[in-house]
Amino acid sequence: MGSGGRSYLVDTLCVLFGIGTWVVVNGLWVELPLLVQAMPEGWSLPSYLTIAIQLANIAPLLYTLLHSVYPQQFTETRVIYAVISFGLIANGFLIFYWDRTGVFLGANRSTALLGNTNLF
């Protein structure tokens, strides 16, 4: 137990939770030179990834809205478990399907990579 009743374990776990996504996204950027060679977007892929990652910033706004309308259903604990679960599932899908493509807006796109990137 820290000073003022704070738990250093809880503080450490909060920090680890917060940097988890940061580590995954930076790992993705490290792999970009290999990814652009394999994906149909080529060097446009970093731009698409940036947009996909920034779309995730809508989640805190959505949580705030849903928590104000449905406070019993959208508690912090449930949302944290959902975020961790979606992140694990998305990373699991990336292991096996990162190179899968599909037609989107009339062009061949890295649908699995971009879709799962947005989920973690």
Foldseek 3Di string as FASTA:
>chain_A
DDPPPDDPVVVVVVVCLVCVLVVVVVVVVVCVVVVLVLWPVRVCVVVLLVVLQVVLVCVVVVLVVCCVVPVVVRDPVVVSVVLVVQLVVLVVQCVPQQRDWDADPRDIGRCSNSVSNNSD
